[in-house]
Every structure is written in C-alpha cells, then in structure tokens.
Protein backbone atom coordinates (compact mmCIF):
# COMPACT_ATOMS: atom_id res chain seq x y z
CA MET A 1 99.68 5.47 36.40
CA SER A 2 97.00 8.16 36.66
CA GLN A 3 93.95 8.59 34.40
CA PRO A 4 94.25 11.50 31.79
CA GLN A 5 92.37 14.49 32.82
CA VAL A 6 89.30 15.05 30.59
CA PRO A 7 88.08 18.73 30.49
CA ARG A 8 84.61 19.55 31.74
CA GLY A 9 81.83 19.29 29.14
CA VAL A 10 83.50 16.63 27.35
CA PRO A 11 81.55 13.13 27.67
CA GLN A 12 83.54 10.03 28.62
CA ARG A 13 83.16 7.23 26.41
CA ARG A 14 81.17 4.38 27.67
CA ARG A 15 83.23 1.15 28.50
CA ARG A 16 81.96 -1.47 26.95
CA GLY A 17 83.50 -4.52 28.90
CA TRP A 18 81.26 -7.09 27.61
CA VAL A 19 82.41 -7.03 24.03
CA ARG A 20 85.68 -8.93 24.60
CA PRO A 21 84.07 -11.83 26.56
CA VAL A 22 81.32 -12.03 23.75
CA VAL A 23 83.84 -12.19 21.08
CA ALA A 24 85.87 -14.89 22.69
CA LEU A 25 83.02 -16.77 23.46
CA ALA A 26 82.02 -16.58 19.68
CA LEU A 27 85.36 -17.45 18.49
CA VAL A 28 84.88 -20.79 20.68
CA ALA A 29 81.28 -21.46 20.15
CA VAL A 30 80.83 -20.64 16.25
CA PRO A 31 83.27 -23.40 15.18
CA LEU A 32 82.20 -26.01 17.75
CA ALA A 33 78.69 -25.34 16.35
CA GLU A 34 79.62 -25.76 12.90
CA ILE A 35 81.69 -29.16 13.75
CA TRP A 36 78.52 -30.27 15.33
CA THR A 37 76.27 -29.46 12.36
CA ILE A 38 78.83 -30.96 9.77
CA VAL A 39 79.05 -34.30 11.99
CA GLN A 40 75.07 -34.43 12.28
CA VAL A 41 74.84 -33.95 8.49
CA GLY A 42 77.69 -36.32 7.71
CA GLY A 43 75.46 -38.90 10.06
CA LEU A 44 72.39 -38.14 7.94
CA VAL A 45 73.73 -38.10 4.42
CA GLY A 46 77.06 -39.80 4.48
CA PRO A 47 80.50 -38.27 4.56
CA TRP A 48 81.09 -37.87 0.98
CA TRP A 49 77.70 -36.17 0.39
CA THR A 50 78.67 -33.85 3.30
CA ILE A 51 81.86 -32.96 1.58
CA ALA A 52 79.87 -32.47 -1.59
CA LEU A 53 77.47 -30.39 -0.11
CA LEU A 54 80.11 -28.08 1.53
CA LEU A 55 81.90 -27.75 -1.76
CA ALA A 56 78.50 -27.02 -3.73
CA GLY A 57 77.86 -24.18 -1.05
CA SER A 58 81.29 -22.61 -1.38
CA VAL A 59 80.79 -22.62 -5.34
CA LEU A 60 77.06 -21.20 -5.26
CA GLY A 61 78.36 -18.67 -2.60
CA ALA A 62 81.29 -17.48 -4.92
CA TRP A 63 79.05 -17.33 -7.97
CA LEU A 64 76.47 -15.14 -5.74
CA VAL A 65 79.12 -12.84 -4.68
CA ARG A 66 80.04 -12.27 -8.01
CA ARG A 67 76.80 -11.45 -9.41
CA GLU A 68 75.67 -9.56 -6.31
CA GLY A 69 78.97 -7.77 -5.95
CA GLY A 70 78.67 -6.76 -9.42
CA ARG A 71 75.22 -5.29 -8.95
CA ALA A 72 76.16 -3.43 -5.89
CA TRP A 73 79.27 -1.99 -7.69
CA ARG A 74 77.14 -0.84 -10.66
CA ALA A 75 74.52 0.71 -8.38
CA LEU A 76 77.19 2.56 -6.65
CA ARG A 77 78.88 3.80 -9.76
CA GLU A 78 75.30 5.03 -10.94
CA ALA A 79 74.55 6.84 -7.71
CA LEU A 80 77.85 8.52 -7.76
CA GLN A 81 77.30 9.65 -11.29
CA ALA A 82 73.82 10.96 -10.39
CA GLY A 83 75.38 12.87 -7.77
CA ARG A 84 73.42 11.30 -4.67
CA MET A 85 74.75 10.14 -1.48
CA PRO A 86 75.42 6.20 -2.11
CA ALA A 87 74.70 5.12 1.60
CA ARG A 88 72.45 2.46 0.50
CA GLU A 89 74.82 0.98 -2.04
CA ILE A 90 77.96 1.15 0.14
CA ALA A 91 75.93 -0.77 2.79
CA ASP A 92 74.99 -3.42 0.00
CA GLY A 93 78.65 -3.71 -1.00
CA MET A 94 79.67 -4.22 2.58
CA LEU A 95 76.96 -6.76 3.15
CA VAL A 96 77.87 -8.77 0.23
CA LEU A 97 81.60 -8.71 1.07
CA LEU A 98 80.95 -9.92 4.43
CA GLY A 99 78.42 -12.56 3.33
CA GLY A 100 80.96 -13.75 0.66
CA GLY A 101 83.48 -14.04 3.46
CA LEU A 102 81.05 -16.18 5.49
CA ILE A 103 79.94 -18.48 2.65
CA LEU A 104 83.77 -19.33 1.71
CA LEU A 105 84.30 -20.54 5.23
CA PRO A 106 83.72 -24.18 5.64
CA GLY A 107 80.43 -25.16 7.19
CA PHE A 108 76.58 -24.76 7.11
CA LEU A 109 75.75 -22.34 9.69
CA LEU A 110 77.85 -19.64 8.60
CA ASP A 111 76.78 -20.30 4.76
CA VAL A 112 72.97 -19.64 5.89
CA VAL A 113 74.24 -16.40 7.50
CA GLY A 114 76.20 -15.28 4.34
CA LEU A 115 73.23 -16.06 2.35
CA VAL A 116 70.88 -13.85 4.20
CA LEU A 117 73.53 -11.11 3.98
CA ILE A 118 73.94 -11.63 0.05
CA LEU A 119 70.55 -12.53 -1.51
CA PRO A 120 68.88 -9.47 -2.80
CA PHE A 121 65.50 -10.20 -1.11
CA THR A 122 66.90 -10.78 2.32
CA ARG A 123 69.55 -8.26 2.23
CA PRO A 124 67.27 -5.16 3.14
CA VAL A 125 66.71 -6.56 6.47
CA ALA A 126 70.46 -6.91 7.25
CA ARG A 127 70.76 -3.49 5.62
CA ARG A 128 68.29 -2.02 8.18
CA LEU A 129 70.29 -3.87 10.96
CA LEU A 130 73.48 -2.17 9.76
CA THR A 131 71.74 1.11 9.37
CA SER A 132 70.45 1.01 12.88
CA VAL A 133 73.95 -0.02 14.59
CA VAL A 134 75.87 2.64 12.53
CA GLU A 135 73.23 5.40 13.72
CA ARG A 136 73.43 4.43 17.36
CA ARG A 137 77.26 4.41 17.09
CA LEU A 138 77.17 7.73 15.39
CA VAL A 139 74.86 9.28 17.93
CA GLU A 140 77.02 7.92 20.96
CA ALA A 141 80.15 8.78 19.27
CA PRO A 142 82.32 10.82 21.68
CA THR A 143 83.91 14.19 20.70
CA LEU A 144 87.35 14.57 19.94
CA GLY A 145 88.33 14.59 23.60
CA GLY A 146 89.42 11.31 24.66
CA PRO A 147 92.23 9.71 22.25
CA PHE A 148 93.45 13.31 21.00
CA GLY A 149 94.25 15.05 24.42
CA ALA A 150 92.49 17.59 26.10
CA GLY A 151 91.57 20.79 24.20
CA PHE A 152 89.71 19.11 21.43
CA GLY A 153 86.36 19.01 22.73
CA PRO A 154 83.37 21.48 22.63
CA GLY A 155 84.41 24.91 22.11
CA PHE A 156 87.85 24.08 20.56
CA ARG A 157 89.43 26.95 19.11
CA PRO A 158 92.44 26.42 16.68
CA GLY A 159 95.46 28.75 17.49
CA PHE A 160 94.56 29.29 21.05
CA GLY A 161 96.01 27.41 23.99
CA PRO A 162 98.99 25.08 24.56
CA GLY A 163 100.90 24.11 21.44
CA ALA A 164 99.67 26.97 19.25
CA ALA A 165 101.80 28.35 16.79
CA PRO A 166 103.33 31.78 17.70
CA GLY A 167 101.28 34.72 16.25
CA ASN A 168 98.05 32.56 16.07
CA GLY A 169 96.83 34.18 19.29
CA ASP A 170 95.72 37.18 17.21
CA ARG A 171 93.24 35.47 15.05
CA PRO A 172 89.65 34.92 16.04
CA GLY A 173 88.81 30.91 15.69
CA PRO A 174 85.44 29.03 15.35
CA GLY A 175 83.22 30.27 18.22
CA GLY A 176 84.61 33.78 18.29
CA ASP A 177 82.61 36.83 18.55
CA GLY A 178 82.77 37.74 14.84
CA PRO A 179 80.15 38.08 12.19
CA VAL A 180 78.25 34.98 11.20
CA VAL A 181 77.65 34.55 7.34
CA ARG A 182 74.67 32.47 6.38
CA GLY A 183 74.00 31.36 2.87
CA ASP A 184 73.34 28.65 0.18
CA VAL A 185 75.82 27.03 -1.73
CA VAL A 186 74.58 26.81 -5.55
CA GLU A 187 76.64 24.29 -7.92
C-alpha cells in the first residue's frame, strides 16, 4: 500500500513514535509504584491503618472535587455572563476533573498528583503547564491536509477542483482576486 500524496506546501505531521512506548511503560510502572508504596505504608502503620488512609484519601478527594468543581463551575458561568473568553475557567474545570479521577483511584502516589491538580493554591502551576502544552500543540497543528485528503491545505478554495458541485466553478472563493472589505464588528 502506498503513502497518500500530500500536495506541496502542506506540512506533514511529525510522527511521535515515542508516545506509545511511554504510555505502555506508564501503564505498567504506575500500578507497580502504587503497590510498592501501599506495601511500604502497610509495613510502617499496619494493614488496617493503610486501608483507613486509602479510604480517607478518597473521601477527602471526593469532598475537594465537589467543592473546587462547584467553584470552577460558578467561575465559568460568571465569565460567560460577563462576555469574556473563559479559558482559565475551562482549564480549571479540566484540572479538577482529572485530579478527582486520580484521587478516586486507589493509591497514595496518584492521590498526591490529584491533590496538586485540585487544590486552589497548586492548580495555577498545573494550569500553566497545561496552557503551555496546548499552545505548543496549536502552534504545531497541521493544516487540514492529512486526514481530509489533498485539496484542504493552504490555498483551498471551495467550489473548485475535483468533487466540486456543478456550477460552483463560476463563484470566486477565498483567496480570489475580489475586493477585500475591512471593518470592525460592533455589538
């Protein structure tokens, strides 16, 4: 099977061959590290206290998720009512949701990571990290060339080329030689 032809000027997506092995390693290493930590804590305080600590961590985490999730939801509603982009509020909501999921899983290590994502005084650090990752992905994002087939890259003009509806070839599309109208949108 041959590779699909990509038109000139359309950047190809970088292959990230390291992602799958890292995820596979994490799926093995994290549970092993959690089990090792639980065994170590059990050796220090005893099995019943270890179980009690695990349950207390889950209860505390559920309470924190409910409290911080409610705050994030109120902040999102207020931002939308004020008519401003709720980027920070959406990021906070995602972090609280992710942290809550980690806290509800049994283990001490994931509880610590979940707490860092949920607590209001540590969440800004996680938010900055999330923002930098998202910004990097948006800057590197390919044009609509790859998965949608050739013709959707730079210089794409609807109504021209293969698959265009009959009669659409007469209309100028974006990037044509028509006049450019500039102005402001006033609400």
